[in-house]
Amino acid sequence: MMKFGIFNSIYGDRRYKAEDFAQYFATFIGNGIFVNPSDCLQIFAAGDSMRIIVRPGKAWINGRYLVNDEDYIYELNKADTTLNRIDRIVVRCDYIERKMSVSVKSGTLSASPVAPPLKRDADAYELALADIYVAKGALTLTQGAITDQRLNRALCGLMHGVVDQVDTTTIFNQYQSWFDNYSVTKAGEFLTWQTNVTTALEQWIDAQENDFTAWRQAEEQLYYTWLEGRKNGFDTWFETIKNKLSEDAAGNLFNMIEDHKDASLPHKILFNGKVYMHGWVYNPVLNCMSSVMREVVE
């Protein structure tokens, strides 16, 4: 149904209900409390008692308003002796009773209590001002037991200017769609870049490992070749002397030294394909030492 208004009535042809005015105001005034003063409808502990104080202020709910122009005092129910509870202080717009008020919703007794839910249906609509923890056996309330919920937009919130209910769903969905597409594109580009960098790094590491392996194998081959040469040289040398040493190597070597020392021609040389013994002997004629070389005849 299409509605319009507001126009003067002529002979009763234009009649408006409170709902029409509430709907009109609700189009540009959102639900919540007024931002000024800062203690608008704030809840305070009244002192050494179970009473609370509701500070002056204003609230709007779906085009209806509430004005409290002085401190309003409530007396909470007494605390239970064994269990705790959480009471919730609300601004209530009651469509059945046709009024707005500040009231107390008493919580359920429990060892771990929770605040009672808000009523928001065709019969009433509520805003939470504060939650009050009523401990078992408590005789008084402190400010520390009061949780201010006025700035919690899900429970209350602030009426902070006209046209509080701007619908940005369409433009947001367009932005979200662009962002999602952009994110997917950039994520794909980053994944490709990351894959290329990772592949290049792995290839470089493999090349370095292969080069090192080849160098190590070459160095090991050179070492083993050198070692084999040294071993062969030792084996050849050992073959030349092993038959010259008896089981008593020290004694055999001593005998060879003594024979060499006492021999007149101790040195053996090869000259022109022949073997000669060579040494120094005394020449009585010349009265001196003379060099002598004698061919060995086998």
C-alpha atoms as a PDB file:
ATOM      1  CA  MET A   1       0.000   0.000   0.000  1.00  0.00           C
ATOM      2  CA  MET A   2       1.231   3.482  -0.857  1.00  0.00           C
ATOM      3  CA  LYS A   3       0.926   6.205   1.796  1.00  0.00           C
ATOM      4  CA  PHE A   4       1.414   9.938   1.726  1.00  0.00           C
ATOM      5  CA  GLY A   5       1.086  12.929   4.085  1.00  0.00           C
ATOM      6  CA  ILE A   6       0.695  15.192   5.851  1.00  0.00           C
ATOM      7  CA  PHE A   7      -2.183  17.341   4.518  1.00  0.00           C
ATOM      8  CA  ASN A   8      -4.996  19.333   6.055  1.00  0.00           C
ATOM      9  CA  SER A   9      -8.267  17.515   6.531  1.00  0.00           C
ATOM     10  CA  ILE A  10     -11.393  18.819   4.821  1.00  0.00           C
ATOM     11  CA  TYR A  11     -14.554  17.496   6.366  1.00  0.00           C
ATOM     12  CA  GLY A  12     -12.541  14.621   7.944  1.00  0.00           C
ATOM     13  CA  ASP A  13     -11.077  13.221   4.696  1.00  0.00           C
ATOM     14  CA  ARG A  14      -7.465  13.341   5.976  1.00  0.00           C
ATOM     15  CA  ARG A  15      -7.083  11.609   9.300  1.00  0.00           C
ATOM     16  CA  TYR A  16      -3.717  10.467  10.687  1.00  0.00           C
ATOM     17  CA  LYS A  17      -2.796   8.084  13.482  1.00  0.00           C
ATOM     18  CA  ALA A  18       0.092   8.144  15.915  1.00  0.00           C
ATOM     19  CA  GLU A  19       1.624   5.304  13.865  1.00  0.00           C
ATOM     20  CA  ASP A  20       1.753   7.584  10.826  1.00  0.00           C
ATOM     21  CA  PHE A  21       3.725  10.242  12.720  1.00  0.00           C
ATOM     22  CA  ALA A  22       5.988   7.612  14.308  1.00  0.00           C
ATOM     23  CA  GLN A  23       6.705   6.174  10.862  1.00  0.00           C
ATOM     24  CA  TYR A  24       7.466   9.660   9.582  1.00  0.00           C
ATOM     25  CA  PHE A  25       9.955  10.444  12.376  1.00  0.00           C
ATOM     26  CA  ALA A  26      11.528   6.983  12.151  1.00  0.00           C
ATOM     27  CA  THR A  27      12.575   7.691   8.551  1.00  0.00           C
ATOM     28  CA  PHE A  28      15.204  10.212   9.687  1.00  0.00           C
ATOM     29  CA  ILE A  29      15.643   9.611  13.452  1.00  0.00           C
ATOM     30  CA  GLY A  30      17.307   6.334  14.401  1.00  0.00           C
ATOM     31  CA  ASN A  31      16.823   4.325  17.573  1.00  0.00           C
ATOM     32  CA  GLY A  32      18.978   5.126  20.609  1.00  0.00           C
ATOM     33  CA  ILE A  33      19.645   7.699  23.314  1.00  0.00           C
ATOM     34  CA  PHE A  34      20.617  11.330  22.701  1.00  0.00           C
ATOM     35  CA  VAL A  35      24.328  12.075  22.604  1.00  0.00           C
ATOM     36  CA  ASN A  36      24.026  15.094  24.907  1.00  0.00           C
ATOM     37  CA  PRO A  37      24.542  15.238  27.771  1.00  0.00           C
ATOM     38  CA  SER A  38      27.202  12.523  28.137  1.00  0.00           C
ATOM     39  CA  ASP A  39      25.360  10.994  31.129  1.00  0.00           C
ATOM     40  CA  CYS A  40      22.077  10.820  29.194  1.00  0.00           C
ATOM     41  CA  LEU A  41      19.967   8.109  30.934  1.00  0.00           C
ATOM     42  CA  GLN A  42      23.108   6.700  32.617  1.00  0.00           C
ATOM     43  CA  ILE A  43      22.580   4.277  35.524  1.00  0.00           C
ATOM     44  CA  PHE A  44      24.275   4.932  38.880  1.00  0.00           C
ATOM     45  CA  ALA A  45      24.310   3.089  42.197  1.00  0.00           C
ATOM     46  CA  ALA A  46      22.365   5.137  44.765  1.00  0.00           C
ATOM     47  CA  GLY A  47      24.644   4.347  47.720  1.00  0.00           C
ATOM     48  CA  ASP A  48      24.313   1.930  50.634  1.00  0.00           C
ATOM     49  CA  SER A  49      21.166   0.279  49.297  1.00  0.00           C
ATOM     50  CA  MET A  50      19.773  -1.812  46.415  1.00  0.00           C
ATOM     51  CA  ARG A  51      18.570   1.339  44.652  1.00  0.00           C
ATOM     52  CA  ILE A  52      19.742   2.787  41.321  1.00  0.00           C
ATOM     53  CA  ILE A  53      19.474   6.260  39.801  1.00  0.00           C
ATOM     54  CA  VAL A  54      18.499   6.882  36.147  1.00  0.00           C
ATOM     55  CA  ARG A  55      19.972  10.217  35.039  1.00  0.00           C
ATOM     56  CA  PRO A  56      17.930  12.686  32.930  1.00  0.00           C
ATOM     57  CA  GLY A  57      17.937  12.195  29.158  1.00  0.00           C
ATOM     58  CA  LYS A  58      16.025  11.338  25.994  1.00  0.00           C
ATOM     59  CA  ALA A  59      15.586   8.204  23.896  1.00  0.00           C
ATOM     60  CA  TRP A  60      13.973   7.348  20.544  1.00  0.00           C
ATOM     61  CA  ILE A  61      12.500   3.998  19.498  1.00  0.00           C
ATOM     62  CA  ASN A  62      10.935   3.568  16.066  1.00  0.00           C
ATOM     63  CA  GLY A  63       9.698   7.172  15.886  1.00  0.00           C
ATOM     64  CA  ARG A  64       8.505   7.349  19.507  1.00  0.00           C
ATOM     65  CA  TYR A  65      10.382   9.264  22.171  1.00  0.00           C
ATOM     66  CA  LEU A  66      10.954   9.266  25.926  1.00  0.00           C
ATOM     67  CA  VAL A  67      12.050  12.283  27.995  1.00  0.00           C
ATOM     68  CA  ASN A  68      13.285  11.960  31.581  1.00  0.00           C
ATOM     69  CA  ASP A  69      13.912  15.441  33.057  1.00  0.00           C
ATOM     70  CA  GLU A  70      15.113  14.476  36.575  1.00  0.00           C
ATOM     71  CA  ASP A  71      16.903  11.691  38.472  1.00  0.00           C
ATOM     72  CA  TYR A  72      14.654   8.672  38.515  1.00  0.00           C
ATOM     73  CA  ILE A  73      15.148   6.145  41.368  1.00  0.00           C
ATOM     74  CA  TYR A  74      14.444   2.389  41.194  1.00  0.00           C
ATOM     75  CA  GLU A  75      14.582  -0.195  43.982  1.00  0.00           C
ATOM     76  CA  LEU A  76      15.909  -3.581  42.806  1.00  0.00           C
ATOM     77  CA  ASN A  77      14.686  -6.852  44.247  1.00  0.00           C
ATOM     78  CA  LYS A  78      16.724  -8.262  47.126  1.00  0.00           C
ATOM     79  CA  ALA A  79      19.630 -10.564  46.353  1.00  0.00           C
ATOM     80  CA  ASP A  80      19.209 -14.323  46.654  1.00  0.00           C
ATOM     81  CA  THR A  81      21.081 -16.043  49.478  1.00  0.00           C
ATOM     82  CA  THR A  82      22.653 -18.814  47.352  1.00  0.00           C
ATOM     83  CA  LEU A  83      22.583 -17.785  43.661  1.00  0.00           C
ATOM     84  CA  ASN A  84      23.514 -14.745  41.559  1.00  0.00           C
ATOM     85  CA  ARG A  85      21.541 -12.910  38.895  1.00  0.00           C
ATOM     86  CA  ILE A  86      21.953 -10.086  36.331  1.00  0.00           C
ATOM     87  CA  ASP A  87      19.211  -7.459  36.072  1.00  0.00           C
ATOM     88  CA  ARG A  88      18.898  -5.406  32.894  1.00  0.00           C
ATOM     89  CA  ILE A  89      17.709  -1.762  32.875  1.00  0.00           C
ATOM     90  CA  VAL A  90      15.825  -0.995  29.646  1.00  0.00           C
ATOM     91  CA  VAL A  91      13.956   1.744  27.814  1.00  0.00           C
ATOM     92  CA  ARG A  92      10.756   0.020  26.748  1.00  0.00           C
ATOM     93  CA  CYS A  93       8.372   1.064  23.976  1.00  0.00           C
ATOM     94  CA  ASP A  94       5.172  -0.868  24.738  1.00  0.00           C
ATOM     95  CA  TYR A  95       2.716  -0.894  21.828  1.00  0.00           C
ATOM     96  CA  ILE A  96       0.030  -2.692  23.866  1.00  0.00           C
ATOM     97  CA  GLU A  97       0.188  -0.301  26.822  1.00  0.00           C
ATOM     98  CA  ARG A  98       0.828   2.627  24.448  1.00  0.00           C
ATOM     99  CA  LYS A  99       3.707   4.083  26.443  1.00  0.00           C
ATOM    100  CA  MET A 100       7.467   4.339  26.805  1.00  0.00           C
ATOM    101  CA  SER A 101       9.228   3.811  30.129  1.00  0.00           C
ATOM    102  CA  VAL A 102      12.436   2.856  31.909  1.00  0.00           C
ATOM    103  CA  SER A 103      12.020  -0.504  33.645  1.00  0.00           C
ATOM    104  CA  VAL A 104      13.971  -3.334  35.267  1.00  0.00           C
ATOM    105  CA  LYS A 105      14.092  -6.830  33.775  1.00  0.00           C
ATOM    106  CA  SER A 106      15.088  -9.174  36.586  1.00  0.00           C
ATOM    107  CA  GLY A 107      17.506 -11.941  35.591  1.00  0.00           C
ATOM    108  CA  THR A 108      17.329 -15.687  36.201  1.00  0.00           C
ATOM    109  CA  LEU A 109      19.103 -17.014  39.303  1.00  0.00           C
ATOM    110  CA  SER A 110      22.227 -18.998  38.505  1.00  0.00           C
ATOM    111  CA  ALA A 111      25.790 -19.683  39.643  1.00  0.00           C
ATOM    112  CA  SER A 112      26.873 -18.170  36.294  1.00  0.00           C
ATOM    113  CA  PRO A 113      24.037 -15.807  35.374  1.00  0.00           C
ATOM    114  CA  VAL A 114      23.412 -14.019  32.069  1.00  0.00           C
ATOM    115  CA  ALA A 115      21.392 -10.893  31.345  1.00  0.00           C
ATOM    116  CA  PRO A 116      17.777 -11.405  30.193  1.00  0.00           C
ATOM    117  CA  PRO A 117      17.225 -10.934  26.439  1.00  0.00           C
ATOM    118  CA  LEU A 118      15.635  -7.817  24.963  1.00  0.00           C
ATOM    119  CA  LYS A 119      12.087  -7.966  23.668  1.00  0.00           C
ATOM    120  CA  ARG A 120      11.798  -6.721  20.100  1.00  0.00           C
ATOM    121  CA  ASP A 121       8.583  -7.808  18.430  1.00  0.00           C
ATOM    122  CA  ALA A 122       5.121  -6.492  17.507  1.00  0.00           C
ATOM    123  CA  ASP A 123       4.217  -5.980  21.172  1.00  0.00           C
ATOM    124  CA  ALA A 124       7.275  -4.087  22.413  1.00  0.00           C
ATOM    125  CA  TYR A 125      10.768  -2.877  21.552  1.00  0.00           C
ATOM    126  CA  GLU A 126      13.530  -2.425  24.159  1.00  0.00           C
ATOM    127  CA  LEU A 127      16.918  -0.689  24.425  1.00  0.00           C
ATOM    128  CA  ALA A 128      19.374  -1.776  27.139  1.00  0.00           C
ATOM    129  CA  LEU A 129      20.839   1.009  29.279  1.00  0.00           C
ATOM    130  CA  ALA A 130      22.872  -1.137  31.718  1.00  0.00           C
ATOM    131  CA  ASP A 131      23.321  -4.626  33.190  1.00  0.00           C
ATOM    132  CA  ILE A 132      23.596  -4.955  36.994  1.00  0.00           C
ATOM    133  CA  TYR A 133      25.297  -7.952  38.635  1.00  0.00           C
ATOM    134  CA  VAL A 134      23.441  -8.819  41.815  1.00  0.00           C
ATOM    135  CA  ALA A 135      25.694 -11.143  43.790  1.00  0.00           C
ATOM    136  CA  LYS A 136      24.250 -13.717  46.194  1.00  0.00           C
ATOM    137  CA  GLY A 137      23.743 -12.279  49.671  1.00  0.00           C
ATOM    138  CA  ALA A 138      24.430  -8.697  48.522  1.00  0.00           C
ATOM    139  CA  LEU A 139      22.819  -5.960  50.634  1.00  0.00           C
ATOM    140  CA  THR A 140      24.083  -2.972  48.611  1.00  0.00           C
ATOM    141  CA  LEU A 141      25.057  -2.165  45.026  1.00  0.00           C
ATOM    142  CA  THR A 142      28.374  -0.634  43.922  1.00  0.00           C
ATOM    143  CA  GLN A 143      29.139   1.161  40.668  1.00  0.00           C
ATOM    144  CA  GLY A 144      31.523  -1.684  39.798  1.00  0.00           C
ATOM    145  CA  ALA A 145      28.524  -4.045  39.560  1.00  0.00           C
ATOM    146  CA  ILE A 146      26.970  -1.903  36.788  1.00  0.00           C
ATOM    147  CA  THR A 147      27.927  -2.516  33.120  1.00  0.00           C
ATOM    148  CA  ASP A 148      26.982   0.470  30.940  1.00  0.00           C
ATOM    149  CA  GLN A 149      25.419  -0.753  27.654  1.00  0.00           C
ATOM    150  CA  ARG A 150      24.388   2.623  26.183  1.00  0.00           C
ATOM    151  CA  LEU A 151      27.178   2.657  23.565  1.00  0.00           C
ATOM    152  CA  ASN A 152      26.614  -0.968  22.558  1.00  0.00           C
ATOM    153  CA  ARG A 153      24.880  -0.458  19.204  1.00  0.00           C
ATOM    154  CA  ALA A 154      23.445  -3.985  19.226  1.00  0.00           C
ATOM    155  CA  LEU A 155      21.727  -3.345  22.562  1.00  0.00           C
ATOM    156  CA  CYS A 156      21.181   0.440  22.547  1.00  0.00           C
ATOM    157  CA  GLY A 157      23.389   2.941  20.676  1.00  0.00           C
ATOM    158  CA  LEU A 158      23.243   6.688  20.110  1.00  0.00           C
ATOM    159  CA  MET A 159      20.702   8.740  18.167  1.00  0.00           C
ATOM    160  CA  HIS A 160      23.384  10.888  16.497  1.00  0.00           C
ATOM    161  CA  GLY A 161      21.759  12.897  13.740  1.00  0.00           C
ATOM    162  CA  VAL A 162      19.086  12.787  11.106  1.00  0.00           C
ATOM    163  CA  VAL A 163      18.811   9.969   8.557  1.00  0.00           C
ATOM    164  CA  ASP A 164      20.583   7.469  10.784  1.00  0.00           C
ATOM    165  CA  GLN A 165      19.346   4.530   8.742  1.00  0.00           C
ATOM    166  CA  VAL A 166      21.074   5.100   5.390  1.00  0.00           C
ATOM    167  CA  ASP A 167      20.931   1.880   3.364  1.00  0.00           C
ATOM    168  CA  THR A 168      24.362   1.327   1.817  1.00  0.00           C
ATOM    169  CA  THR A 169      23.757  -2.338   0.975  1.00  0.00           C
ATOM    170  CA  THR A 170      23.817  -1.916  -2.806  1.00  0.00           C
ATOM    171  CA  ILE A 171      26.956   0.183  -3.014  1.00  0.00           C
ATOM    172  CA  PHE A 172      28.601  -2.022  -0.391  1.00  0.00           C
ATOM    173  CA  ASN A 173      27.790  -5.152  -2.396  1.00  0.00           C
ATOM    174  CA  GLN A 174      29.289  -3.520  -5.509  1.00  0.00           C
ATOM    175  CA  TYR A 175      32.418  -2.590  -3.592  1.00  0.00           C
ATOM    176  CA  GLN A 176      32.609  -6.059  -2.046  1.00  0.00           C
ATOM    177  CA  SER A 177      32.267  -7.687  -5.464  1.00  0.00           C
ATOM    178  CA  TRP A 178      35.058  -5.498  -6.863  1.00  0.00           C
ATOM    179  CA  PHE A 179      37.224  -6.209  -3.830  1.00  0.00           C
ATOM    180  CA  ASP A 180      36.636  -9.963  -4.074  1.00  0.00           C
ATOM    181  CA  ASN A 181      37.532  -9.980  -7.785  1.00  0.00           C
ATOM    182  CA  TYR A 182      40.566  -7.786  -7.156  1.00  0.00           C
ATOM    183  CA  SER A 183      41.662 -10.002  -4.282  1.00  0.00           C
ATOM    184  CA  VAL A 184      41.322 -13.149  -6.394  1.00  0.00           C
ATOM    185  CA  THR A 185      43.290 -11.570  -9.256  1.00  0.00           C
ATOM    186  CA  LYS A 186      46.060 -10.291  -7.017  1.00  0.00           C
ATOM    187  CA  ALA A 187      46.145 -13.556  -5.104  1.00  0.00           C
ATOM    188  CA  GLY A 188      46.579 -15.413  -8.413  1.00  0.00           C
ATOM    189  CA  GLU A 189      49.346 -13.050  -9.518  1.00  0.00           C
ATOM    190  CA  PHE A 190      51.113 -13.408  -6.183  1.00  0.00           C
ATOM    191  CA  LEU A 191      50.817 -17.196  -6.322  1.00  0.00           C
ATOM    192  CA  THR A 192      52.324 -17.222  -9.839  1.00  0.00           C
ATOM    193  CA  TRP A 193      55.158 -14.933  -8.732  1.00  0.00           C
ATOM    194  CA  GLN A 194      55.765 -17.037  -5.643  1.00  0.00           C
ATOM    195  CA  THR A 195      55.829 -20.236  -7.723  1.00  0.00           C
ATOM    196  CA  ASN A 196      58.310 -18.721 -10.212  1.00  0.00           C
ATOM    197  CA  VAL A 197      60.595 -17.448  -7.451  1.00  0.00           C
ATOM    198  CA  THR A 198      60.416 -20.761  -5.593  1.00  0.00           C
ATOM    199  CA  THR A 199      61.170 -22.725  -8.772  1.00  0.00           C
ATOM    200  CA  ALA A 200      64.121 -20.479  -9.662  1.00  0.00           C
ATOM    201  CA  LEU A 201      65.499 -20.745  -6.137  1.00  0.00           C
ATOM    202  CA  GLU A 202      65.159 -24.527  -6.108  1.00  0.00           C
ATOM    203  CA  GLN A 203      66.895 -24.753  -9.514  1.00  0.00           C
ATOM    204  CA  TRP A 204      69.750 -22.538  -8.281  1.00  0.00           C
ATOM    205  CA  ILE A 205      70.138 -24.652  -5.150  1.00  0.00           C
ATOM    206  CA  ASP A 206      70.149 -27.855  -7.242  1.00  0.00           C
ATOM    207  CA  ALA A 207      72.820 -26.373  -9.560  1.00  0.00           C
ATOM    208  CA  GLN A 208      74.961 -25.386  -6.579  1.00  0.00           C
ATOM    209  CA  GLU A 209      74.621 -28.863  -5.077  1.00  0.00           C
ATOM    210  CA  ASN A 210      75.504 -30.504  -8.406  1.00  0.00           C
ATOM    211  CA  ASP A 211      78.568 -28.260  -8.858  1.00  0.00           C
ATOM    212  CA  PHE A 212      79.727 -29.007  -5.332  1.00  0.00           C
ATOM    213  CA  THR A 213      79.215 -32.745  -5.828  1.00  0.00           C
ATOM    214  CA  ALA A 214      81.220 -32.696  -9.085  1.00  0.00           C
ATOM    215  CA  TRP A 215      84.047 -30.675  -7.466  1.00  0.00           C
ATOM    216  CA  ARG A 216      84.145 -32.996  -4.464  1.00  0.00           C
ATOM    217  CA  GLN A 217      84.270 -36.094  -6.663  1.00  0.00           C
ATOM    218  CA  ALA A 218      87.111 -34.593  -8.737  1.00  0.00           C
ATOM    219  CA  GLU A 219      89.060 -33.692  -5.588  1.00  0.00           C
ATOM    220  CA  GLU A 220      88.480 -37.139  -4.155  1.00  0.00           C
ATOM    221  CA  GLN A 221      89.724 -38.738  -7.404  1.00  0.00           C
ATOM    222  CA  LEU A 222      92.873 -36.598  -7.325  1.00  0.00           C
ATOM    223  CA  TYR A 223      93.462 -37.548  -3.712  1.00  0.00           C
ATOM    224  CA  TYR A 224      92.962 -41.246  -4.349  1.00  0.00           C
ATOM    225  CA  THR A 225      95.267 -41.099  -7.380  1.00  0.00           C
ATOM    226  CA  TRP A 226      97.955 -39.374  -5.317  1.00  0.00           C
ATOM    227  CA  LEU A 227      97.455 -41.837  -2.479  1.00  0.00           C
ATOM    228  CA  GLU A 228      97.687 -44.813  -4.834  1.00  0.00           C
ATOM    229  CA  GLY A 229     100.935 -43.415  -6.261  1.00  0.00           C
ATOM    230  CA  ARG A 230     102.383 -43.042  -2.817  1.00  0.00           C
ATOM    231  CA  LYS A 231     101.328 -46.570  -1.941  1.00  0.00           C
ATOM    232  CA  ASN A 232     102.832 -47.989  -5.119  1.00  0.00           C
ATOM    233  CA  GLY A 233     106.080 -46.145  -4.443  1.00  0.00           C
ATOM    234  CA  PHE A 234     106.203 -47.522  -0.925  1.00  0.00           C
ATOM    235  CA  ASP A 235     105.413 -51.027  -2.121  1.00  0.00           C
ATOM    236  CA  THR A 236     108.249 -50.835  -4.712  1.00  0.00           C
ATOM    237  CA  TRP A 237     110.689 -49.568  -2.104  1.00  0.00           C
ATOM    238  CA  PHE A 238     109.604 -52.188   0.356  1.00  0.00           C
ATOM    239  CA  GLU A 239     110.101 -54.960  -2.222  1.00  0.00           C
ATOM    240  CA  THR A 240     113.728 -53.873  -2.617  1.00  0.00           C
ATOM    241  CA  ILE A 241     114.522 -54.117   1.071  1.00  0.00           C
ATOM    242  CA  LYS A 242     112.246 -56.747   2.538  1.00  0.00           C
ATOM    243  CA  ASN A 243     114.561 -59.633   1.507  1.00  0.00           C
ATOM    244  CA  LYS A 244     117.528 -57.816   2.973  1.00  0.00           C
ATOM    245  CA  LEU A 245     116.059 -57.832   6.439  1.00  0.00           C
ATOM    246  CA  SER A 246     116.077 -61.017   8.491  1.00  0.00           C
ATOM    247  CA  GLU A 247     113.688 -61.707  11.274  1.00  0.00           C
ATOM    248  CA  ASP A 248     116.215 -59.938  13.449  1.00  0.00           C
ATOM    249  CA  ALA A 249     116.129 -56.791  11.353  1.00  0.00           C
ATOM    250  CA  ALA A 250     118.262 -54.773  13.703  1.00  0.00           C
ATOM    251  CA  GLY A 251     120.983 -57.453  13.818  1.00  0.00           C
ATOM    252  CA  ASN A 252     120.952 -57.929  10.049  1.00  0.00           C
ATOM    253  CA  LEU A 253     121.211 -54.198   9.483  1.00  0.00           C
ATOM    254  CA  PHE A 254     124.099 -54.040  11.995  1.00  0.00           C
ATOM    255  CA  ASN A 255     125.950 -56.783  10.150  1.00  0.00           C
ATOM    256  CA  MET A 256     125.489 -54.976   6.816  1.00  0.00           C
ATOM    257  CA  ILE A 257     126.887 -51.783   8.363  1.00  0.00           C
ATOM    258  CA  GLU A 258     129.887 -53.675   9.823  1.00  0.00           C
ATOM    259  CA  ASP A 259     130.605 -55.407   6.516  1.00  0.00           C
ATOM    260  CA  HIS A 260     130.456 -52.092   4.732  1.00  0.00           C
ATOM    261  CA  LYS A 261     132.772 -50.501   7.305  1.00  0.00           C
ATOM    262  CA  ASP A 262     135.397 -53.278   7.160  1.00  0.00           C
ATOM    263  CA  ALA A 263     135.280 -53.853   3.378  1.00  0.00           C
ATOM    264  CA  SER A 264     138.237 -52.468   1.432  1.00  0.00           C
ATOM    265  CA  LEU A 265     135.998 -51.770  -1.553  1.00  0.00           C
ATOM    266  CA  PRO A 266     132.604 -51.102  -0.016  1.00  0.00           C
ATOM    267  CA  HIS A 267     130.914 -49.194  -2.846  1.00  0.00           C
ATOM    268  CA  LYS A 268     129.335 -50.783  -5.900  1.00  0.00           C
ATOM    269  CA  ILE A 269     128.942 -48.779  -9.113  1.00  0.00           C
ATOM    270  CA  LEU A 270     127.717 -49.527 -12.633  1.00  0.00           C
ATOM    271  CA  PHE A 271     129.975 -48.266 -15.434  1.00  0.00           C
ATOM    272  CA  ASN A 272     129.667 -49.072 -19.140  1.00  0.00           C
ATOM    273  CA  GLY A 273     127.381 -51.964 -18.409  1.00  0.00           C
ATOM    274  CA  LYS A 274     129.763 -53.535 -15.947  1.00  0.00           C
ATOM    275  CA  VAL A 275     129.689 -53.689 -12.126  1.00  0.00           C
ATOM    276  CA  TYR A 276     132.712 -52.388 -10.256  1.00  0.00           C
ATOM    277  CA  MET A 277     133.612 -52.299  -6.584  1.00  0.00           C
ATOM    278  CA  HIS A 278     135.143 -49.005  -5.547  1.00  0.00           C
ATOM    279  CA  GLY A 279     136.969 -47.798  -2.455  1.00  0.00           C
ATOM    280  CA  TRP A 280     140.079 -46.312  -0.941  1.00  0.00           C
ATOM    281  CA  VAL A 281     143.177 -48.395   0.050  1.00  0.00           C
ATOM    282  CA  TYR A 282     146.661 -47.617   1.452  1.00  0.00           C
ATOM    283  CA  ASN A 283     149.503 -47.456  -1.135  1.00  0.00           C
ATOM    284  CA  PRO A 284     152.765 -48.300   0.623  1.00  0.00           C
ATOM    285  CA  VAL A 285     154.792 -47.202  -2.368  1.00  0.00           C
ATOM    286  CA  LEU A 286     153.301 -43.733  -2.399  1.00  0.00           C
ATOM    287  CA  ASN A 287     152.686 -43.844   1.321  1.00  0.00           C
ATOM    288  CA  CYS A 288     149.134 -42.465   0.885  1.00  0.00           C
ATOM    289  CA  MET A 289     145.543 -43.504   0.217  1.00  0.00           C
ATOM    290  CA  SER A 290     144.728 -44.387  -3.379  1.00  0.00           C
ATOM    291  CA  SER A 291     141.351 -44.808  -5.131  1.00  0.00           C
ATOM    292  CA  VAL A 292     140.843 -48.365  -6.444  1.00  0.00           C
ATOM    293  CA  MET A 293     138.069 -49.702  -8.716  1.00  0.00           C
ATOM    294  CA  ARG A 294     137.847 -53.450  -9.487  1.00  0.00           C
ATOM    295  CA  GLU A 295     135.431 -55.197 -11.861  1.00  0.00           C
ATOM    296  CA  VAL A 296     133.188 -57.772 -10.288  1.00  0.00           C
ATOM    297  CA  VAL A 297     133.357 -61.069 -12.142  1.00  0.00           C
ATOM    298  CA  GLU A 298     130.367 -63.336 -11.466  1.00  0.00           C
END
